Protein backbone atom coordinates (compact mmCIF):
# COMPACT_ATOMS: atom_id res chain seq x y z
CA MET A 1 -0.08 0.03 -0.02
CA SER A 2 2.72 2.51 0.83
CA HIS A 3 4.35 1.86 -2.58
CA LEU A 4 0.77 2.95 -3.93
CA ILE A 5 1.09 6.15 -2.17
CA TRP A 6 4.48 6.90 -3.19
CA LEU A 7 3.55 6.45 -6.87
CA GLY A 8 0.50 8.53 -6.35
CA VAL A 9 2.81 11.14 -4.75
CA LEU A 10 5.38 11.08 -7.70
CA PHE A 11 2.83 11.07 -10.19
CA ALA A 12 1.35 14.22 -8.52
CA LEU A 13 4.68 15.71 -8.62
CA VAL A 14 5.21 14.97 -12.06
CA VAL A 15 1.67 16.45 -13.28
CA ILE A 16 2.78 19.61 -11.08
CA ILE A 17 5.98 20.38 -12.64
CA GLN A 18 4.72 19.56 -16.03
CA ALA A 19 1.97 22.10 -15.42
CA VAL A 20 4.06 24.91 -14.44
CA PRO A 21 5.07 27.26 -17.31
CA HIS A 22 8.42 27.25 -18.49
CA PRO A 23 10.27 29.52 -20.77
CA PRO A 24 10.44 28.53 -24.44
CA ALA A 25 13.55 26.60 -25.40
CA THR A 26 14.97 29.10 -28.03
CA THR A 27 18.32 30.45 -29.05
CA ALA A 28 16.60 34.01 -29.77
CA ALA A 29 18.26 36.90 -28.47
CA PRO A 30 17.09 38.01 -25.06
CA LEU A 31 14.53 41.02 -25.41
CA LYS A 32 16.23 44.43 -25.05
CA GLN A 33 15.67 46.01 -21.68
CA THR A 34 13.98 49.45 -22.45
CA TYR A 35 13.17 52.40 -20.08
CA ASP A 36 9.43 52.85 -19.04
CA ASN A 37 7.21 54.24 -21.52
CA LYS A 38 4.46 55.20 -19.80
CA PHE A 39 5.34 59.01 -20.36
CA ASP A 40 6.25 58.72 -24.13
CA ASN A 41 3.00 60.42 -24.97
CA ILE A 42 3.83 63.88 -23.25
CA ASP A 43 3.67 66.77 -25.88
CA LEU A 44 7.15 67.70 -26.07
CA ASP A 45 6.40 70.73 -28.53
CA GLU A 46 4.06 71.87 -25.78
CA ILE A 47 6.74 71.83 -23.01
CA LEU A 48 9.35 73.66 -25.30
CA GLY A 49 6.99 76.42 -26.44
CA GLN A 50 5.88 77.21 -22.92
CA GLU A 51 8.72 78.80 -20.93
CA ARG A 52 7.06 78.25 -17.69
CA LEU A 53 7.10 74.71 -18.39
CA LEU A 54 10.18 74.43 -19.81
CA ASN A 55 11.68 76.26 -16.58
CA ASN A 56 9.97 73.89 -14.14
CA TYR A 57 11.60 70.96 -15.92
CA ILE A 58 15.05 72.35 -16.09
CA LYS A 59 14.64 73.26 -12.17
CA CYS A 60 13.50 69.64 -11.58
CA LEU A 61 16.70 68.35 -13.33
CA GLU A 62 18.96 70.70 -11.56
CA GLY A 63 17.62 69.72 -8.16
CA LEU A 64 16.12 73.54 -7.49
CA GLY A 65 12.40 72.92 -7.80
CA PRO A 66 9.65 69.96 -7.47
CA CYS A 67 9.46 67.27 -10.10
CA THR A 68 6.33 66.11 -11.96
CA PRO A 69 6.28 62.45 -11.91
CA ASP A 70 7.68 62.24 -15.53
CA GLY A 71 10.24 64.96 -14.41
CA LYS A 72 11.17 62.64 -11.63
CA MET A 73 11.44 59.35 -13.92
CA LEU A 74 13.62 61.60 -16.51
CA LYS A 75 15.77 62.70 -13.60
CA GLU A 76 16.26 59.14 -12.25
CA THR A 77 17.01 57.68 -15.90
CA LEU A 78 19.22 60.56 -17.24
CA PRO A 79 22.25 59.68 -15.85
CA ASP A 80 22.35 56.06 -17.07
CA ALA A 81 20.82 57.25 -20.47
CA ILE A 82 23.75 59.63 -21.18
CA MET A 83 26.42 56.77 -19.76
CA THR A 84 25.22 54.16 -22.54
CA ASN A 85 24.27 56.72 -25.02
CA CYS A 86 20.63 56.14 -24.34
CA ALA A 87 21.02 52.12 -25.37
CA LYS A 88 18.09 51.18 -23.28
CA CYS A 89 15.86 54.16 -24.82
CA THR A 90 13.00 53.16 -27.36
CA GLU A 91 13.21 54.79 -30.72
CA HIS A 92 10.71 57.26 -29.61
CA GLN A 93 12.58 58.19 -26.35
CA LYS A 94 15.66 58.88 -28.45
CA TYR A 95 13.82 61.04 -30.81
CA GLY A 96 12.41 63.08 -28.28
CA SER A 97 15.91 62.97 -26.03
CA ASP A 98 17.42 64.66 -29.15
CA LYS A 99 14.40 66.80 -29.68
CA VAL A 100 14.85 68.27 -26.41
CA THR A 101 18.63 68.31 -25.99
CA HIS A 102 19.04 70.01 -29.59
CA HIS A 103 16.62 72.42 -28.70
CA LEU A 104 18.48 73.46 -25.20
CA ILE A 105 21.76 73.56 -27.04
CA ASP A 106 20.56 75.77 -29.84
CA ASN A 107 18.09 78.22 -28.03
CA ARG A 108 18.97 78.12 -24.46
CA PRO A 109 22.57 77.47 -24.43
CA LYS A 110 22.85 78.80 -20.68
CA ASP A 111 20.37 76.21 -19.29
CA TRP A 112 22.15 73.75 -21.21
CA GLU A 113 25.50 74.68 -19.72
CA ARG A 114 23.99 74.01 -16.48
CA LEU A 115 22.41 70.91 -17.01
CA GLU A 116 25.54 69.66 -18.98
CA LYS A 117 27.76 70.57 -15.77
CA ILE A 118 25.26 67.94 -13.88
CA TYR A 119 24.71 65.05 -16.50
CA ASP A 120 27.55 65.43 -18.71
CA PRO A 121 30.60 67.40 -17.50
CA GLU A 122 32.80 66.37 -20.53
CA GLY A 123 30.43 67.84 -22.86
CA SER A 124 30.30 64.93 -25.07
CA TYR A 125 26.95 64.81 -26.09
CA ARG A 126 26.91 68.57 -27.20
CA LYS A 127 30.21 67.79 -29.03
CA ALA A 128 28.66 65.18 -30.98
CA TYR A 129 25.79 67.13 -31.83
CA LEU A 130 27.51 70.07 -32.91
CA MET A 131 29.91 68.05 -35.10
CA GLN A 132 26.99 66.18 -36.71
CA LYS A 133 25.08 69.35 -37.12
CA GLU A 134 28.29 70.78 -38.84
CA ASN A 135 28.47 67.97 -41.10
CA THR A 136 24.76 68.11 -42.24
CA THR A 137 24.90 71.64 -42.83
CA THR A 138 28.08 71.22 -44.89
CA LYS A 139 26.44 68.49 -46.88
CA ASP A 140 23.25 70.40 -47.34
CA ASP A 141 25.50 73.36 -48.67
CA ASN A 142 27.42 71.21 -50.89
CA ALA A 143 23.99 69.66 -52.37
CA SER A 144 22.59 73.30 -52.97
CA LYS A 145 25.73 74.06 -55.33
CA ASP A 146 25.31 71.20 -57.38
């Protein structure tokens, strides 16, 4: 009788183990980890076009003012995003990041300089952007001469 009990327990264990979901056996590359995208639908043009809103975000990033939930998340992820060249950014986040930083560098250089001291002391992002901008301008000038 005890053998039947052990056999029943063993059978139950096999059934339980088979019922537990297992990850698929695949050799596909692991999914790329990305930053949370819950704030990706924020209207960046509205923020960039309203000085009060933009100033509030800048003060948040400088640690000189309160942060909205999206500002807080940006402040937390920005150091990693800069250090990894936005490796965990979605395409939408990369586009938004470029749009905002280009706007600040081109239109609000003093604000950019203060943020750069905090988040990119070597100025590597600004240098790369200005070099890319110069190359694009040179290509555009050459194309218009043709």
